[in-house]
Structure formats: C-alpha cells, structure tokens
Amino acid sequence: MVTRNSHSSHDALSVLRKDHQSIDQLFRRFERSRGSAERRRIAARIVRELSVHAAIEEELFYPALRRRADGAADRVLVALEEHHLAKLELAELEGLDGSDERFAAKVGVLADNVRHHVQEEERELFALARRTLSSEELALLGDALVRARETAPTRPHPSAPDEPPGNALANVGAAAFDRGRDVLGRGLARVIDRSRGVVEQALRRGEVVAREARQRIGRGLERAGREVRPDAR
C-alpha cells in the first residue's frame, strides 16, 4: 500500500517539468537582475535547485527508463554527460564572487546548456516514459521523486557516481555534507569548506561514502565549532 501525499495527483513527468519551469524562472530573474549582491543570491538558488534536480533524476528517473524502455540507454548516457558538464559549471560558479567579470557570462552559458538539455529531455525522454511506463508507475515514481528531493544533495559534486548503485550511496554522504553546511550558514561556511576535498574523495568511492563521509564531517564540524566559537558573540 502506497501512502499518497499532496503531490500524488502529479506523475513523475509533472514533477520534473515543474522543476524545469522553476529553474528557468530563476535564470530569467538572473537575466533581469542588477547588482552583484542580487545576482549572487539568485545564482545560489540556481546552484541549489539544479543540484537537487539532477540528483533525483539520476537516482530515480533515468534508471527507471533504462530498466523499461528499449533504446533508452544511449539517450540517458547523453543526459548524464550533460548533467556532468552542468555540475562542473555549477562548481565553478560557487567559487566566484558576484562582482567577478565572468560571473554573468558563466551563468549565461549555464542557462543555454540547461535549456538545451531540458528541451531534448522533455521531447525525447518524457515521450519515451509516457510510452513505456503506466500511469500508476508514473504516479509512484512521482511520489518517490518528491520524497527524494527532501534529502538530496544541495550542491554540485561532479566527481560523485551518477548511476546506481553508487549514486544512491554517494547522495547520502553528499547530502549530509551539503545540508549540514546549509544549516550552519556563513559563520562556519569558510571552515567547513576545508572538508569539501575529503568529501569529494569519499564520493568517488561510492561503496563506502555514507560511513566515511559522516565520520569525517563530524570531526570537521567539531573542529569548526572550536575555531569559530570565540568570535561568535
């Protein structure tokens, strides 16, 4: 028995299409924005939304297509490569200040690539899903996508596995790192960023990522607290 939530009337394609529309709206807001601070805020939203969206597609939607649809493998592999390129761009974007002369140009190239990817995905992979998955299967997959969004990584991890089973394990460690950093906010962000290299190395070893990442992040948070606490008054 499946427990339905408020999104149960939406199938997987509706959930993903809504994500696509929200991301495009963020790109449009960025294109209309003025000032480095505003652009940086919008770009941070773009990084988060694209990271979450890519993670849930790779963990649930793409594998479902490959299991059920003949001829889906090649198209899914292209989509995964497009995701990988987007993650590389997002990771570079995270490291830039909003006043950097390349900041707007980098977001513009990212927007062009993402829009191209979305157009092809909705035309080809969505049509394939409609032909090969039943309405009930699409509804169940939609529910799973909505649930997965709540615990997905919120930052790009280009070196992490993007196919099962490695990506499911990697997402646990990546999400723990990302969401812990989100909660801590700016006060500890600089210190926690020192742990990113450790996490990225762990993500490349998908079979042990959950255990190792949690242990190392825990130690990093303890050190961060000791370093920052004297200034937090």
C-alpha atoms as a PDB file:
ATOM      1  CA  MET A   1       0.000   0.000   0.000  1.00  0.00           C
ATOM      2  CA  VAL A   2       1.375   3.399  -1.005  1.00  0.00           C
ATOM      3  CA  THR A   3       0.756   6.441   1.159  1.00  0.00           C
ATOM      4  CA  ARG A   4      -0.124   9.382  -1.040  1.00  0.00           C
ATOM      5  CA  ASN A   5       0.988  12.915  -0.291  1.00  0.00           C
ATOM      6  CA  SER A   6      -0.086  16.314  -1.573  1.00  0.00           C
ATOM      7  CA  HIS A   7       1.784  15.645  -4.837  1.00  0.00           C
ATOM      8  CA  SER A   8       0.100  12.278  -5.504  1.00  0.00           C
ATOM      9  CA  SER A   9      -2.024  13.698  -8.354  1.00  0.00           C
ATOM     10  CA  HIS A  10       1.179  14.590 -10.228  1.00  0.00           C
ATOM     11  CA  ASP A  11       3.091  11.950 -12.099  1.00  0.00           C
ATOM     12  CA  ALA A  12       6.863  11.891 -12.412  1.00  0.00           C
ATOM     13  CA  LEU A  13       6.882  13.953 -15.594  1.00  0.00           C
ATOM     14  CA  SER A  14       4.777  16.685 -13.998  1.00  0.00           C
ATOM     15  CA  VAL A  15       7.138  16.819 -11.019  1.00  0.00           C
ATOM     16  CA  LEU A  16      10.206  17.102 -13.255  1.00  0.00           C
ATOM     17  CA  ARG A  17       8.558  19.591 -15.601  1.00  0.00           C
ATOM     18  CA  LYS A  18       7.682  21.803 -12.642  1.00  0.00           C
ATOM     19  CA  ASP A  19      11.357  21.717 -11.635  1.00  0.00           C
ATOM     20  CA  HIS A  20      12.353  22.698 -15.171  1.00  0.00           C
ATOM     21  CA  GLN A  21       9.977  25.656 -15.104  1.00  0.00           C
ATOM     22  CA  SER A  22      11.184  26.833 -11.683  1.00  0.00           C
ATOM     23  CA  ILE A  23      14.812  26.687 -12.785  1.00  0.00           C
ATOM     24  CA  ASP A  24      14.071  28.596 -15.977  1.00  0.00           C
ATOM     25  CA  GLN A  25      12.292  31.278 -13.939  1.00  0.00           C
ATOM     26  CA  LEU A  26      15.449  31.650 -11.841  1.00  0.00           C
ATOM     27  CA  PHE A  27      17.528  32.092 -14.986  1.00  0.00           C
ATOM     28  CA  ARG A  28      15.083  34.759 -16.188  1.00  0.00           C
ATOM     29  CA  ARG A  29      15.301  36.539 -12.837  1.00  0.00           C
ATOM     30  CA  PHE A  30      19.084  36.490 -13.100  1.00  0.00           C
ATOM     31  CA  GLU A  31      18.940  37.925 -16.616  1.00  0.00           C
ATOM     32  CA  ARG A  32      16.816  40.833 -15.334  1.00  0.00           C
ATOM     33  CA  SER A  33      18.857  41.376 -12.177  1.00  0.00           C
ATOM     34  CA  ARG A  34      21.142  44.295 -11.423  1.00  0.00           C
ATOM     35  CA  GLY A  35      23.949  44.415  -8.905  1.00  0.00           C
ATOM     36  CA  SER A  36      26.392  41.747  -7.768  1.00  0.00           C
ATOM     37  CA  ALA A  37      24.631  41.010  -4.462  1.00  0.00           C
ATOM     38  CA  GLU A  38      21.302  40.268  -6.123  1.00  0.00           C
ATOM     39  CA  ARG A  39      22.953  38.178  -8.802  1.00  0.00           C
ATOM     40  CA  ARG A  40      24.840  36.191  -6.189  1.00  0.00           C
ATOM     41  CA  ARG A  41      21.605  35.422  -4.289  1.00  0.00           C
ATOM     42  CA  ILE A  42      19.833  34.228  -7.412  1.00  0.00           C
ATOM     43  CA  ALA A  43      22.842  32.197  -8.534  1.00  0.00           C
ATOM     44  CA  ALA A  44      22.917  30.446  -5.147  1.00  0.00           C
ATOM     45  CA  ARG A  45      19.286  29.413  -5.711  1.00  0.00           C
ATOM     46  CA  ILE A  46      20.168  28.149  -9.184  1.00  0.00           C
ATOM     47  CA  VAL A  47      23.022  26.063  -7.780  1.00  0.00           C
ATOM     48  CA  ARG A  48      20.746  24.515  -5.154  1.00  0.00           C
ATOM     49  CA  GLU A  49      17.773  23.796  -7.418  1.00  0.00           C
ATOM     50  CA  LEU A  50      19.842  22.317 -10.231  1.00  0.00           C
ATOM     51  CA  SER A  51      21.863  20.167  -7.826  1.00  0.00           C
ATOM     52  CA  VAL A  52      18.741  18.709  -6.223  1.00  0.00           C
ATOM     53  CA  HIS A  53      17.016  18.194  -9.567  1.00  0.00           C
ATOM     54  CA  ALA A  54      19.985  16.418 -11.151  1.00  0.00           C
ATOM     55  CA  ALA A  55      20.370  14.139  -8.128  1.00  0.00           C
ATOM     56  CA  ILE A  56      16.777  12.893  -8.111  1.00  0.00           C
ATOM     57  CA  GLU A  57      16.712  12.372 -11.875  1.00  0.00           C
ATOM     58  CA  GLU A  58      19.914  10.340 -11.752  1.00  0.00           C
ATOM     59  CA  GLU A  59      18.803   8.277  -8.769  1.00  0.00           C
ATOM     60  CA  LEU A  60      15.231   7.501  -9.867  1.00  0.00           C
ATOM     61  CA  PHE A  61      14.040   8.727 -13.274  1.00  0.00           C
ATOM     62  CA  TYR A  62      16.915   7.697 -15.518  1.00  0.00           C
ATOM     63  CA  PRO A  63      17.274   4.185 -14.019  1.00  0.00           C
ATOM     64  CA  ALA A  64      13.515   3.607 -14.398  1.00  0.00           C
ATOM     65  CA  LEU A  65      13.759   4.438 -18.089  1.00  0.00           C
ATOM     66  CA  ARG A  66      16.764   2.208 -18.653  1.00  0.00           C
ATOM     67  CA  ARG A  67      15.031  -0.722 -16.981  1.00  0.00           C
ATOM     68  CA  ARG A  68      11.838  -0.452 -19.017  1.00  0.00           C
ATOM     69  CA  ALA A  69      12.483   1.307 -22.333  1.00  0.00           C
ATOM     70  CA  ASP A  70      14.365  -0.245 -25.223  1.00  0.00           C
ATOM     71  CA  GLY A  71      16.804   2.214 -26.727  1.00  0.00           C
ATOM     72  CA  ALA A  72      16.820   4.464 -23.657  1.00  0.00           C
ATOM     73  CA  ALA A  73      20.385   3.668 -22.603  1.00  0.00           C
ATOM     74  CA  ASP A  74      22.162   5.799 -25.204  1.00  0.00           C
ATOM     75  CA  ARG A  75      19.921   8.819 -24.618  1.00  0.00           C
ATOM     76  CA  VAL A  76      20.252   8.518 -20.848  1.00  0.00           C
ATOM     77  CA  LEU A  77      24.039   8.407 -21.155  1.00  0.00           C
ATOM     78  CA  VAL A  78      23.940  11.655 -23.144  1.00  0.00           C
ATOM     79  CA  ALA A  79      21.728  13.205 -20.452  1.00  0.00           C
ATOM     80  CA  LEU A  80      24.170  12.095 -17.742  1.00  0.00           C
ATOM     81  CA  GLU A  81      27.053  13.709 -19.615  1.00  0.00           C
ATOM     82  CA  GLU A  82      25.041  16.928 -19.908  1.00  0.00           C
ATOM     83  CA  HIS A  83      24.422  16.767 -16.155  1.00  0.00           C
ATOM     84  CA  HIS A  84      28.134  16.283 -15.560  1.00  0.00           C
ATOM     85  CA  LEU A  85      29.017  19.375 -17.571  1.00  0.00           C
ATOM     86  CA  ALA A  86      26.371  21.390 -15.718  1.00  0.00           C
ATOM     87  CA  LYS A  87      27.804  20.259 -12.356  1.00  0.00           C
ATOM     88  CA  LEU A  88      31.274  21.380 -13.394  1.00  0.00           C
ATOM     89  CA  GLU A  89      29.872  24.792 -14.306  1.00  0.00           C
ATOM     90  CA  LEU A  90      27.940  24.983 -11.041  1.00  0.00           C
ATOM     91  CA  ALA A  91      31.028  24.097  -9.009  1.00  0.00           C
ATOM     92  CA  GLU A  92      32.977  26.878 -10.742  1.00  0.00           C
ATOM     93  CA  LEU A  93      30.102  29.297 -10.181  1.00  0.00           C
ATOM     94  CA  GLU A  94      30.120  28.570  -6.450  1.00  0.00           C
ATOM     95  CA  GLY A  95      33.713  29.738  -6.263  1.00  0.00           C
ATOM     96  CA  LEU A  96      33.104  33.093  -7.962  1.00  0.00           C
ATOM     97  CA  ASP A  97      32.103  36.374  -6.357  1.00  0.00           C
ATOM     98  CA  GLY A  98      29.065  38.099  -7.844  1.00  0.00           C
ATOM     99  CA  SER A  99      31.265  41.010  -8.888  1.00  0.00           C
ATOM    100  CA  ASP A 100      33.618  38.815 -10.920  1.00  0.00           C
ATOM    101  CA  GLU A 101      33.640  39.900 -14.561  1.00  0.00           C
ATOM    102  CA  ARG A 102      32.939  36.321 -15.669  1.00  0.00           C
ATOM    103  CA  PHE A 103      30.089  35.688 -13.234  1.00  0.00           C
ATOM    104  CA  ALA A 104      27.213  36.750 -15.507  1.00  0.00           C
ATOM    105  CA  ALA A 105      28.834  35.135 -18.561  1.00  0.00           C
ATOM    106  CA  LYS A 106      29.186  31.826 -16.722  1.00  0.00           C
ATOM    107  CA  VAL A 107      25.529  31.864 -15.647  1.00  0.00           C
ATOM    108  CA  GLY A 108      24.527  32.710 -19.221  1.00  0.00           C
ATOM    109  CA  VAL A 109      26.413  29.741 -20.678  1.00  0.00           C
ATOM    110  CA  LEU A 110      24.950  27.500 -17.963  1.00  0.00           C
ATOM    111  CA  ALA A 111      21.441  28.718 -18.815  1.00  0.00           C
ATOM    112  CA  ASP A 112      21.932  27.976 -22.524  1.00  0.00           C
ATOM    113  CA  ASN A 113      23.188  24.467 -21.800  1.00  0.00           C
ATOM    114  CA  VAL A 114      20.445  23.681 -19.291  1.00  0.00           C
ATOM    115  CA  ARG A 115      17.702  24.958 -21.595  1.00  0.00           C
ATOM    116  CA  HIS A 116      19.023  22.794 -24.425  1.00  0.00           C
ATOM    117  CA  HIS A 117      19.150  19.779 -22.112  1.00  0.00           C
ATOM    118  CA  VAL A 118      15.603  20.375 -20.853  1.00  0.00           C
ATOM    119  CA  GLN A 119      14.220  20.781 -24.366  1.00  0.00           C
ATOM    120  CA  GLU A 120      15.681  17.475 -25.515  1.00  0.00           C
ATOM    121  CA  GLU A 121      14.764  15.667 -22.307  1.00  0.00           C
ATOM    122  CA  GLU A 122      11.123  16.723 -22.443  1.00  0.00           C
ATOM    123  CA  ARG A 123      10.866  15.915 -26.147  1.00  0.00           C
ATOM    124  CA  GLU A 124      12.628  12.548 -26.121  1.00  0.00           C
ATOM    125  CA  LEU A 125      12.861  11.026 -22.635  1.00  0.00           C
ATOM    126  CA  PHE A 126       9.476  12.224 -21.432  1.00  0.00           C
ATOM    127  CA  ALA A 127       7.829  10.814 -24.559  1.00  0.00           C
ATOM    128  CA  LEU A 128       9.660   7.535 -24.005  1.00  0.00           C
ATOM    129  CA  ALA A 129       8.467   7.413 -20.400  1.00  0.00           C
ATOM    130  CA  ARG A 130       4.861   8.002 -21.472  1.00  0.00           C
ATOM    131  CA  ARG A 131       5.068   5.094 -23.907  1.00  0.00           C
ATOM    132  CA  THR A 132       6.727   2.594 -21.596  1.00  0.00           C
ATOM    133  CA  LEU A 133       5.525   3.381 -18.044  1.00  0.00           C
ATOM    134  CA  SER A 134       1.930   3.059 -16.934  1.00  0.00           C
ATOM    135  CA  SER A 135       0.021   5.895 -15.270  1.00  0.00           C
ATOM    136  CA  GLU A 136       0.318   4.122 -11.924  1.00  0.00           C
ATOM    137  CA  GLU A 137       4.059   3.645 -12.354  1.00  0.00           C
ATOM    138  CA  LEU A 138       4.499   7.312 -13.228  1.00  0.00           C
ATOM    139  CA  ALA A 139       2.447   8.302 -10.167  1.00  0.00           C
ATOM    140  CA  LEU A 140       4.537   6.095  -7.864  1.00  0.00           C
ATOM    141  CA  LEU A 141       7.724   7.441  -9.406  1.00  0.00           C
ATOM    142  CA  GLY A 142       6.449  10.985  -8.931  1.00  0.00           C
ATOM    143  CA  ASP A 143       5.887  10.355  -5.236  1.00  0.00           C
ATOM    144  CA  ALA A 144       9.390   8.896  -4.944  1.00  0.00           C
ATOM    145  CA  LEU A 145      10.908  11.936  -6.677  1.00  0.00           C
ATOM    146  CA  VAL A 146       9.163  14.319  -4.297  1.00  0.00           C
ATOM    147  CA  ARG A 147      10.408  12.365  -1.280  1.00  0.00           C
ATOM    148  CA  ALA A 148      13.945  12.150  -2.666  1.00  0.00           C
ATOM    149  CA  ARG A 149      14.084  15.928  -3.121  1.00  0.00           C
ATOM    150  CA  GLU A 150      13.868  16.384   0.662  1.00  0.00           C
ATOM    151  CA  THR A 151      17.159  14.561   1.253  1.00  0.00           C
ATOM    152  CA  ALA A 152      19.074  15.193  -1.991  1.00  0.00           C
ATOM    153  CA  PRO A 153      22.454  16.960  -2.174  1.00  0.00           C
ATOM    154  CA  THR A 154      22.082  20.735  -2.480  1.00  0.00           C
ATOM    155  CA  ARG A 155      25.441  21.382  -4.135  1.00  0.00           C
ATOM    156  CA  PRO A 156      27.204  20.012  -7.211  1.00  0.00           C
ATOM    157  CA  HIS A 157      29.518  17.012  -6.819  1.00  0.00           C
ATOM    158  CA  PRO A 158      30.940  16.361 -10.300  1.00  0.00           C
ATOM    159  CA  SER A 159      33.224  13.558  -9.131  1.00  0.00           C
ATOM    160  CA  ALA A 160      30.441  11.547  -7.469  1.00  0.00           C
ATOM    161  CA  PRO A 161      28.896   8.478  -9.158  1.00  0.00           C
ATOM    162  CA  ASP A 162      25.809   9.333 -11.239  1.00  0.00           C
ATOM    163  CA  GLU A 163      24.426   5.830 -11.774  1.00  0.00           C
ATOM    164  CA  PRO A 164      23.095   3.129  -9.414  1.00  0.00           C
ATOM    165  CA  PRO A 165      24.112   1.749  -7.047  1.00  0.00           C
ATOM    166  CA  GLY A 166      26.958   4.159  -6.412  1.00  0.00           C
ATOM    167  CA  ASN A 167      24.921   7.347  -6.708  1.00  0.00           C
ATOM    168  CA  ALA A 168      22.389   6.306  -4.061  1.00  0.00           C
ATOM    169  CA  LEU A 169      25.196   5.788  -1.542  1.00  0.00           C
ATOM    170  CA  ALA A 170      27.056   8.890  -2.651  1.00  0.00           C
ATOM    171  CA  ASN A 171      23.964  11.049  -2.273  1.00  0.00           C
ATOM    172  CA  VAL A 172      23.710  10.113   1.406  1.00  0.00           C
ATOM    173  CA  GLY A 173      27.178  11.424   2.176  1.00  0.00           C
ATOM    174  CA  ALA A 174      26.908  14.430  -0.137  1.00  0.00           C
ATOM    175  CA  ALA A 175      23.544  15.459   1.281  1.00  0.00           C
ATOM    176  CA  ALA A 176      24.840  15.165   4.858  1.00  0.00           C
ATOM    177  CA  PHE A 177      27.711  17.492   3.996  1.00  0.00           C
ATOM    178  CA  ASP A 178      25.631  19.951   1.965  1.00  0.00           C
ATOM    179  CA  ARG A 179      22.672  20.238   4.301  1.00  0.00           C
ATOM    180  CA  GLY A 180      24.881  20.490   7.360  1.00  0.00           C
ATOM    181  CA  ARG A 181      26.680  23.377   5.696  1.00  0.00           C
ATOM    182  CA  ASP A 182      23.335  24.969   4.777  1.00  0.00           C
ATOM    183  CA  VAL A 183      22.190  24.898   8.399  1.00  0.00           C
ATOM    184  CA  LEU A 184      25.433  26.279   9.775  1.00  0.00           C
ATOM    185  CA  GLY A 185      25.285  29.277   7.470  1.00  0.00           C
ATOM    186  CA  ARG A 186      28.012  31.768   6.736  1.00  0.00           C
ATOM    187  CA  GLY A 187      29.583  31.723  10.180  1.00  0.00           C
ATOM    188  CA  LEU A 188      31.092  28.284   9.626  1.00  0.00           C
ATOM    189  CA  ALA A 189      30.952  28.048   5.828  1.00  0.00           C
ATOM    190  CA  ARG A 190      34.591  29.018   5.344  1.00  0.00           C
ATOM    191  CA  VAL A 191      35.792  26.437   7.831  1.00  0.00           C
ATOM    192  CA  ILE A 192      33.500  23.671   6.602  1.00  0.00           C
ATOM    193  CA  ASP A 193      34.649  24.233   3.032  1.00  0.00           C
ATOM    194  CA  ARG A 194      38.026  22.874   4.099  1.00  0.00           C
ATOM    195  CA  SER A 195      36.342  19.464   4.380  1.00  0.00           C
ATOM    196  CA  ARG A 196      34.995  19.506   0.834  1.00  0.00           C
ATOM    197  CA  GLY A 197      38.041  17.806  -0.660  1.00  0.00           C
ATOM    198  CA  VAL A 198      37.717  14.967   1.826  1.00  0.00           C
ATOM    199  CA  VAL A 199      34.059  14.500   0.920  1.00  0.00           C
ATOM    200  CA  GLU A 200      34.753  14.568  -2.820  1.00  0.00           C
ATOM    201  CA  GLN A 201      37.348  11.819  -2.421  1.00  0.00           C
ATOM    202  CA  ALA A 202      34.869   9.764  -0.443  1.00  0.00           C
ATOM    203  CA  LEU A 203      32.182  10.244  -3.082  1.00  0.00           C
ATOM    204  CA  ARG A 204      34.434   8.666  -5.679  1.00  0.00           C
ATOM    205  CA  ARG A 205      34.358   5.530  -3.567  1.00  0.00           C
ATOM    206  CA  GLY A 206      30.580   5.156  -3.651  1.00  0.00           C
ATOM    207  CA  GLU A 207      30.512   1.865  -1.770  1.00  0.00           C
ATOM    208  CA  VAL A 208      31.885   3.444   1.441  1.00  0.00           C
ATOM    209  CA  VAL A 209      30.741   7.045   1.079  1.00  0.00           C
ATOM    210  CA  ALA A 210      27.985   7.085   3.663  1.00  0.00           C
ATOM    211  CA  ARG A 211      30.108   5.804   6.533  1.00  0.00           C
ATOM    212  CA  GLU A 212      33.324   7.666   5.795  1.00  0.00           C
ATOM    213  CA  ALA A 213      31.713  10.982   4.882  1.00  0.00           C
ATOM    214  CA  ARG A 214      29.617  11.084   8.059  1.00  0.00           C
ATOM    215  CA  GLN A 215      32.633  10.302  10.248  1.00  0.00           C
ATOM    216  CA  ARG A 216      34.892  12.865   8.617  1.00  0.00           C
ATOM    217  CA  ILE A 217      32.199  15.556   8.515  1.00  0.00           C
ATOM    218  CA  GLY A 218      31.519  15.005  12.197  1.00  0.00           C
ATOM    219  CA  ARG A 219      35.152  15.604  13.077  1.00  0.00           C
ATOM    220  CA  GLY A 220      35.242  18.636  10.771  1.00  0.00           C
ATOM    221  CA  LEU A 221      32.216  20.163  12.463  1.00  0.00           C
ATOM    222  CA  GLU A 222      33.778  19.720  15.878  1.00  0.00           C
ATOM    223  CA  ARG A 223      36.941  21.499  14.751  1.00  0.00           C
ATOM    224  CA  ALA A 224      34.900  24.215  13.068  1.00  0.00           C
ATOM    225  CA  GLY A 225      32.964  24.872  16.230  1.00  0.00           C
ATOM    226  CA  ARG A 226      36.148  25.282  18.232  1.00  0.00           C
ATOM    227  CA  GLU A 227      37.616  27.696  15.677  1.00  0.00           C
ATOM    228  CA  VAL A 228      34.566  29.880  15.210  1.00  0.00           C
ATOM    229  CA  ARG A 229      33.050  29.918  18.690  1.00  0.00           C
ATOM    230  CA  PRO A 230      35.451  32.556  20.138  1.00  0.00           C
ATOM    231  CA  ASP A 231      34.239  35.086  17.531  1.00  0.00           C
ATOM    232  CA  ALA A 232      30.554  34.224  17.741  1.00  0.00           C
ATOM    233  CA  ARG A 233      29.461  36.906  20.202  1.00  0.00           C
END
